[in-house]
Amino acid sequence: MSRIFEKFMTDYKSIKGIFVVAAVVVVVVFVVVVLLLLLLLLLLLLLVYVFVVTVVVIVFLRFCLKYIIWH
């Protein structure tokens, strides 16, 4: 009886080890995906910032040129 219980406990420990490894893999994948999404969001914000600055500079330069031409 104790042999059966001992075998069950060793099987349980190996299964528990597999679950721990699987949980660590899932957590690592989740962290990597979240970091990649944050990086993508940062790049998107940078693109929006560059676009807005470009539009503002173009509008300002057009205003300046119109002012110089008309005065």
PDB file of N, CA and C in Angstrom:
ATOM      1  N   MET A   1       0.838  -1.209   0.000  1.00  0.00           N
ATOM      2  CA  MET A   1       0.000   0.000   0.000  1.00  0.00           C
ATOM      3  C   MET A   1       0.868   1.252   0.000  1.00  0.00           C
ATOM      4  N   SER A   2       1.918   1.261   0.797  1.00  0.00           N
ATOM      5  CA  SER A   2       2.769   2.443   0.856  1.00  0.00           C
ATOM      6  C   SER A   2       3.525   2.647  -0.454  1.00  0.00           C
ATOM      7  N   ARG A   3       3.835   1.520  -1.148  1.00  0.00           N
ATOM      8  CA  ARG A   3       4.511   1.656  -2.452  1.00  0.00           C
ATOM      9  C   ARG A   3       3.607   2.375  -3.457  1.00  0.00           C
ATOM     10  N   ILE A   4       2.358   2.002  -3.469  1.00  0.00           N
ATOM     11  CA  ILE A   4       1.399   2.649  -4.383  1.00  0.00           C
ATOM     12  C   ILE A   4       1.306   4.143  -4.036  1.00  0.00           C
ATOM     13  N   PHE A   5       1.209   4.448  -2.752  1.00  0.00           N
ATOM     14  CA  PHE A   5       1.128   5.839  -2.310  1.00  0.00           C
ATOM     15  C   PHE A   5       2.404   6.597  -2.680  1.00  0.00           C
ATOM     16  N   GLU A   6       3.573   5.914  -2.500  1.00  0.00           N
ATOM     17  CA  GLU A   6       4.858   6.536  -2.840  1.00  0.00           C
ATOM     18  C   GLU A   6       4.925   6.845  -4.341  1.00  0.00           C
ATOM     19  N   LYS A   7       4.495   5.872  -5.159  1.00  0.00           N
ATOM     20  CA  LYS A   7       4.507   6.081  -6.615  1.00  0.00           C
ATOM     21  C   LYS A   7       3.568   7.237  -6.992  1.00  0.00           C
ATOM     22  N   PHE A   8       2.393   7.267  -6.350  1.00  0.00           N
ATOM     23  CA  PHE A   8       1.452   8.359  -6.628  1.00  0.00           C
ATOM     24  C   PHE A   8       2.070   9.710  -6.265  1.00  0.00           C
ATOM     25  N   MET A   9       2.787   9.769  -5.137  1.00  0.00           N
ATOM     26  CA  MET A   9       3.394  11.032  -4.713  1.00  0.00           C
ATOM     27  C   MET A   9       4.492  11.465  -5.685  1.00  0.00           C
ATOM     28  N   THR A  10       5.313  10.524  -6.162  1.00  0.00           N
ATOM     29  CA  THR A  10       6.366  10.911  -7.118  1.00  0.00           C
ATOM     30  C   THR A  10       5.732  11.366  -8.426  1.00  0.00           C
ATOM     31  N   ASP A  11       4.668  10.686  -8.865  1.00  0.00           N
ATOM     32  CA  ASP A  11       3.960  11.122 -10.076  1.00  0.00           C
ATOM     33  C   ASP A  11       3.364  12.517  -9.873  1.00  0.00           C
ATOM     34  N   TYR A  12       2.801  12.726  -8.683  1.00  0.00           N
ATOM     35  CA  TYR A  12       2.203  14.025  -8.387  1.00  0.00           C
ATOM     36  C   TYR A  12       3.271  15.121  -8.410  1.00  0.00           C
ATOM     37  N   LYS A  13       4.458  14.819  -7.846  1.00  0.00           N
ATOM     38  CA  LYS A  13       5.527  15.815  -7.851  1.00  0.00           C
ATOM     39  C   LYS A  13       5.973  16.131  -9.265  1.00  0.00           C
ATOM     40  N   SER A  14       6.094  15.127 -10.125  1.00  0.00           N
ATOM     41  CA  SER A  14       6.520  15.389 -11.503  1.00  0.00           C
ATOM     42  C   SER A  14       5.448  16.182 -12.251  1.00  0.00           C
ATOM     43  N   ILE A  15       4.173  15.832 -12.007  1.00  0.00           N
ATOM     44  CA  ILE A  15       3.079  16.579 -12.644  1.00  0.00           C
ATOM     45  C   ILE A  15       3.081  18.027 -12.142  1.00  0.00           C
ATOM     46  N   LYS A  16       3.320  18.196 -10.838  1.00  0.00           N
ATOM     47  CA  LYS A  16       3.373  19.538 -10.276  1.00  0.00           C
ATOM     48  C   LYS A  16       4.521  20.329 -10.898  1.00  0.00           C
ATOM     49  N   GLY A  17       5.660  19.669 -11.124  1.00  0.00           N
ATOM     50  CA  GLY A  17       6.788  20.333 -11.783  1.00  0.00           C
ATOM     51  C   GLY A  17       6.434  20.781 -13.187  1.00  0.00           C
ATOM     52  N   ILE A  18       5.717  19.916 -13.905  1.00  0.00           N
ATOM     53  CA  ILE A  18       5.288  20.277 -15.272  1.00  0.00           C
ATOM     54  C   ILE A  18       4.362  21.494 -15.220  1.00  0.00           C
ATOM     55  N   PHE A  19       3.443  21.498 -14.233  1.00  0.00           N
ATOM     56  CA  PHE A  19       2.533  22.640 -14.110  1.00  0.00           C
ATOM     57  C   PHE A  19       3.286  23.922 -13.764  1.00  0.00           C
ATOM     58  N   VAL A  20       4.303  23.813 -12.908  1.00  0.00           N
ATOM     59  CA  VAL A  20       5.098  24.994 -12.554  1.00  0.00           C
ATOM     60  C   VAL A  20       5.814  25.527 -13.779  1.00  0.00           C
ATOM     61  N   VAL A  21       6.421  24.630 -14.572  1.00  0.00           N
ATOM     62  CA  VAL A  21       7.113  25.044 -15.796  1.00  0.00           C
ATOM     63  C   VAL A  21       6.125  25.690 -16.765  1.00  0.00           C
ATOM     64  N   ALA A  22       4.939  25.090 -16.919  1.00  0.00           N
ATOM     65  CA  ALA A  22       3.924  25.647 -17.817  1.00  0.00           C
ATOM     66  C   ALA A  22       3.480  27.028 -17.343  1.00  0.00           C
ATOM     67  N   ALA A  23       3.304  27.190 -16.040  1.00  0.00           N
ATOM     68  CA  ALA A  23       2.891  28.490 -15.498  1.00  0.00           C
ATOM     69  C   ALA A  23       3.965  29.537 -15.733  1.00  0.00           C
ATOM     70  N   VAL A  24       5.236  29.159 -15.537  1.00  0.00           N
ATOM     71  CA  VAL A  24       6.338  30.104 -15.782  1.00  0.00           C
ATOM     72  C   VAL A  24       6.377  30.501 -17.253  1.00  0.00           C
ATOM     73  N   VAL A  25       6.206  29.532 -18.147  1.00  0.00           N
ATOM     74  CA  VAL A  25       6.205  29.828 -19.593  1.00  0.00           C
ATOM     75  C   VAL A  25       5.060  30.776 -19.934  1.00  0.00           C
ATOM     76  N   VAL A  26       3.879  30.523 -19.387  1.00  0.00           N
ATOM     77  CA  VAL A  26       2.717  31.388 -19.663  1.00  0.00           C
ATOM     78  C   VAL A  26       2.976  32.804 -19.166  1.00  0.00           C
ATOM     79  N   VAL A  27       3.537  32.939 -17.965  1.00  0.00           N
ATOM     80  CA  VAL A  27       3.816  34.267 -17.409  1.00  0.00           C
ATOM     81  C   VAL A  27       4.856  34.992 -18.265  1.00  0.00           C
ATOM     82  N   VAL A  28       5.911  34.283 -18.674  1.00  0.00           N
ATOM     83  CA  VAL A  28       6.951  34.913 -19.495  1.00  0.00           C
ATOM     84  C   VAL A  28       6.373  35.368 -20.836  1.00  0.00           C
ATOM     85  N   VAL A  29       5.572  34.522 -21.473  1.00  0.00           N
ATOM     86  CA  VAL A  29       4.950  34.899 -22.749  1.00  0.00           C
ATOM     87  C   VAL A  29       4.035  36.103 -22.565  1.00  0.00           C
ATOM     88  N   PHE A  30       3.260  36.116 -21.477  1.00  0.00           N
ATOM     89  CA  PHE A  30       2.357  37.230 -21.200  1.00  0.00           C
ATOM     90  C   PHE A  30       3.139  38.533 -21.025  1.00  0.00           C
ATOM     91  N   VAL A  31       4.229  38.483 -20.258  1.00  0.00           N
ATOM     92  CA  VAL A  31       5.050  39.681 -20.032  1.00  0.00           C
ATOM     93  C   VAL A  31       5.655  40.173 -21.338  1.00  0.00           C
ATOM     94  N   VAL A  32       6.152  39.251 -22.164  1.00  0.00           N
ATOM     95  CA  VAL A  32       6.742  39.647 -23.449  1.00  0.00           C
ATOM     96  C   VAL A  32       5.691  40.295 -24.340  1.00  0.00           C
ATOM     97  N   VAL A  33       4.489  39.729 -24.386  1.00  0.00           N
ATOM     98  CA  VAL A  33       3.416  40.298 -25.224  1.00  0.00           C
ATOM     99  C   VAL A  33       3.036  41.687 -24.719  1.00  0.00           C
ATOM    100  N   VAL A  34       2.921  41.855 -23.404  1.00  0.00           N
ATOM    101  CA  VAL A  34       2.577  43.168 -22.850  1.00  0.00           C
ATOM    102  C   VAL A  34       3.664  44.186 -23.169  1.00  0.00           C
ATOM    103  N   LEU A  35       4.933  43.798 -23.042  1.00  0.00           N
ATOM    104  CA  LEU A  35       6.028  44.721 -23.363  1.00  0.00           C
ATOM    105  C   LEU A  35       6.024  45.092 -24.840  1.00  0.00           C
ATOM    106  N   LEU A  36       5.758  44.127 -25.710  1.00  0.00           N
ATOM    107  CA  LEU A  36       5.686  44.422 -27.142  1.00  0.00           C
ATOM    108  C   LEU A  36       4.521  45.372 -27.450  1.00  0.00           C
ATOM    109  N   LEU A  37       3.395  45.169 -26.796  1.00  0.00           N
ATOM    110  CA  LEU A  37       2.254  46.069 -27.003  1.00  0.00           C
ATOM    111  C   LEU A  37       2.569  47.485 -26.519  1.00  0.00           C
ATOM    112  N   LEU A  38       3.256  47.587 -25.384  1.00  0.00           N
ATOM    113  CA  LEU A  38       3.649  48.907 -24.889  1.00  0.00           C
ATOM    114  C   LEU A  38       4.621  49.582 -25.851  1.00  0.00           C
ATOM    115  N   LEU A  39       5.550  48.808 -26.403  1.00  0.00           N
ATOM    116  CA  LEU A  39       6.494  49.355 -27.376  1.00  0.00           C
ATOM    117  C   LEU A  39       5.761  49.834 -28.621  1.00  0.00           C
ATOM    118  N   LEU A  40       4.785  49.042 -29.072  1.00  0.00           N
ATOM    119  CA  LEU A  40       3.985  49.432 -30.234  1.00  0.00           C
ATOM    120  C   LEU A  40       3.210  50.713 -29.952  1.00  0.00           C
ATOM    121  N   LEU A  41       2.638  50.811 -28.761  1.00  0.00           N
ATOM    122  CA  LEU A  41       1.901  52.020 -28.375  1.00  0.00           C
ATOM    123  C   LEU A  41       2.825  53.228 -28.335  1.00  0.00           C
ATOM    124  N   LEU A  42       4.032  53.032 -27.814  1.00  0.00           N
ATOM    125  CA  LEU A  42       5.012  54.115 -27.766  1.00  0.00           C
ATOM    126  C   LEU A  42       5.393  54.573 -29.171  1.00  0.00           C
ATOM    127  N   LEU A  43       5.604  53.631 -30.062  1.00  0.00           N
ATOM    128  CA  LEU A  43       5.927  53.980 -31.449  1.00  0.00           C
ATOM    129  C   LEU A  43       4.762  54.716 -32.110  1.00  0.00           C
ATOM    130  N   LEU A  44       3.536  54.279 -31.821  1.00  0.00           N
ATOM    131  CA  LEU A  44       2.362  54.944 -32.380  1.00  0.00           C
ATOM    132  C   LEU A  44       2.256  56.372 -31.864  1.00  0.00           C
ATOM    133  N   LEU A  45       2.491  56.571 -30.572  1.00  0.00           N
ATOM    134  CA  LEU A  45       2.464  57.921 -30.004  1.00  0.00           C
ATOM    135  C   LEU A  45       3.559  58.791 -30.625  1.00  0.00           C
ATOM    136  N   LEU A  46       4.732  58.208 -30.842  1.00  0.00           N
ATOM    137  CA  LEU A  46       5.819  58.946 -31.476  1.00  0.00           C
ATOM    138  C   LEU A  46       5.439  59.362 -32.894  1.00  0.00           C
ATOM    139  N   LEU A  47       4.799  58.454 -33.628  1.00  0.00           N
ATOM    140  CA  LEU A  47       4.345  58.772 -34.984  1.00  0.00           C
ATOM    141  C   LEU A  47       3.322  59.904 -34.970  1.00  0.00           C
ATOM    142  N   VAL A  48       2.366  59.832 -34.041  1.00  0.00           N
ATOM    143  CA  VAL A  48       1.349  60.880 -33.935  1.00  0.00           C
ATOM    144  C   VAL A  48       2.012  62.214 -33.586  1.00  0.00           C
ATOM    145  N   TYR A  49       2.978  62.180 -32.662  1.00  0.00           N
ATOM    146  CA  TYR A  49       3.688  63.398 -32.261  1.00  0.00           C
ATOM    147  C   TYR A  49       4.413  64.014 -33.456  1.00  0.00           C
ATOM    148  N   VAL A  50       5.129  63.194 -34.221  1.00  0.00           N
ATOM    149  CA  VAL A  50       5.853  63.683 -35.397  1.00  0.00           C
ATOM    150  C   VAL A  50       4.877  64.255 -36.417  1.00  0.00           C
ATOM    151  N   PHE A  51       3.741  63.583 -36.622  1.00  0.00           N
ATOM    152  CA  PHE A  51       2.745  64.059 -37.575  1.00  0.00           C
ATOM    153  C   PHE A  51       2.181  65.416 -37.142  1.00  0.00           C
ATOM    154  N   VAL A  52       1.829  65.545 -35.862  1.00  0.00           N
ATOM    155  CA  VAL A  52       1.260  66.803 -35.359  1.00  0.00           C
ATOM    156  C   VAL A  52       2.290  67.927 -35.462  1.00  0.00           C
ATOM    157  N   VAL A  53       3.539  67.663 -35.084  1.00  0.00           N
ATOM    158  CA  VAL A  53       4.578  68.689 -35.169  1.00  0.00           C
ATOM    159  C   VAL A  53       4.788  69.109 -36.622  1.00  0.00           C
ATOM    160  N   THR A  54       4.794  68.141 -37.537  1.00  0.00           N
ATOM    161  CA  THR A  54       4.953  68.462 -38.959  1.00  0.00           C
ATOM    162  C   THR A  54       3.814  69.340 -39.456  1.00  0.00           C
ATOM    163  N   VAL A  55       2.580  68.999 -39.110  1.00  0.00           N
ATOM    164  CA  VAL A  55       1.417  69.793 -39.547  1.00  0.00           C
ATOM    165  C   VAL A  55       1.498  71.202 -38.971  1.00  0.00           C
ATOM    166  N   VAL A  56       1.846  71.327 -37.697  1.00  0.00           N
ATOM    167  CA  VAL A  56       1.947  72.646 -37.070  1.00  0.00           C
ATOM    168  C   VAL A  56       3.025  73.484 -37.745  1.00  0.00           C
ATOM    169  N   VAL A  57       4.177  72.877 -38.022  1.00  0.00           N
ATOM    170  CA  VAL A  57       5.265  73.604 -38.683  1.00  0.00           C
ATOM    171  C   VAL A  57       4.848  74.043 -40.080  1.00  0.00           C
ATOM    172  N   ILE A  58       4.175  73.166 -40.824  1.00  0.00           N
ATOM    173  CA  ILE A  58       3.733  73.526 -42.187  1.00  0.00           C
ATOM    174  C   ILE A  58       2.731  74.674 -42.134  1.00  0.00           C
ATOM    175  N   VAL A  59       1.761  74.600 -41.226  1.00  0.00           N
ATOM    176  CA  VAL A  59       0.755  75.669 -41.112  1.00  0.00           C
ATOM    177  C   VAL A  59       1.426  76.979 -40.700  1.00  0.00           C
ATOM    178  N   PHE A  60       2.365  76.912 -39.763  1.00  0.00           N
ATOM    179  CA  PHE A  60       3.071  78.114 -39.317  1.00  0.00           C
ATOM    180  C   PHE A  60       3.880  78.722 -40.458  1.00  0.00           C
ATOM    181  N   LEU A  61       4.570  77.875 -41.220  1.00  0.00           N
ATOM    182  CA  LEU A  61       5.362  78.388 -42.340  1.00  0.00           C
ATOM    183  C   LEU A  61       4.472  79.002 -43.417  1.00  0.00           C
ATOM    184  N   ARG A  62       3.329  78.385 -43.690  1.00  0.00           N
ATOM    185  CA  ARG A  62       2.405  78.974 -44.674  1.00  0.00           C
ATOM    186  C   ARG A  62       1.904  80.334 -44.192  1.00  0.00           C
ATOM    187  N   PHE A  63       1.567  80.428 -42.910  1.00  0.00           N
ATOM    188  CA  PHE A  63       1.109  81.696 -42.347  1.00  0.00           C
ATOM    189  C   PHE A  63       2.210  82.752 -42.473  1.00  0.00           C
ATOM    190  N   CYS A  64       3.441  82.364 -42.142  1.00  0.00           N
ATOM    191  CA  CYS A  64       4.565  83.304 -42.233  1.00  0.00           C
ATOM    192  C   CYS A  64       4.782  83.755 -43.676  1.00  0.00           C
ATOM    193  N   LEU A  65       4.722  82.828 -44.609  1.00  0.00           N
ATOM    194  CA  LEU A  65       4.918  83.187 -46.013  1.00  0.00           C
ATOM    195  C   LEU A  65       3.813  84.108 -46.511  1.00  0.00           C
ATOM    196  N   LYS A  66       2.569  83.835 -46.136  1.00  0.00           N
ATOM    197  CA  LYS A  66       1.479  84.717 -46.523  1.00  0.00           C
ATOM    198  C   LYS A  66       1.683  86.114 -45.932  1.00  0.00           C
ATOM    199  N   TYR A  67       2.090  86.164 -44.679  1.00  0.00           N
ATOM    200  CA  TYR A  67       2.314  87.457 -44.021  1.00  0.00           C
ATOM    201  C   TYR A  67       3.430  88.219 -44.719  1.00  0.00           C
ATOM    202  N   ILE A  68       4.518  87.496 -45.063  1.00  0.00           N
ATOM    203  CA  ILE A  68       5.655  88.169 -45.736  1.00  0.00           C
ATOM    204  C   ILE A  68       5.230  88.638 -47.117  1.00  0.00           C
ATOM    205  N   ILE A  69       4.461  87.836 -47.841  1.00  0.00           N
ATOM    206  CA  ILE A  69       4.057  88.211 -49.205  1.00  0.00           C
ATOM    207  C   ILE A  69       3.106  89.408 -49.179  1.00  0.00           C
ATOM    208  N   TRP A  70       2.158  89.419 -48.233  1.00  0.00           N
ATOM    209  CA  TRP A  70       1.151  90.480 -48.238  1.00  0.00           C
ATOM    210  C   TRP A  70       1.627  91.760 -47.580  1.00  0.00           C
ATOM    211  N   HIS A  71       2.719  91.689 -46.809  1.00  0.00           N
ATOM    212  CA  HIS A  71       3.197  92.924 -46.170  1.00  0.00           C
ATOM    213  C   HIS A  71       4.586  93.256 -46.648  1.00  0.00           C
TER     214      HIS A  71
END
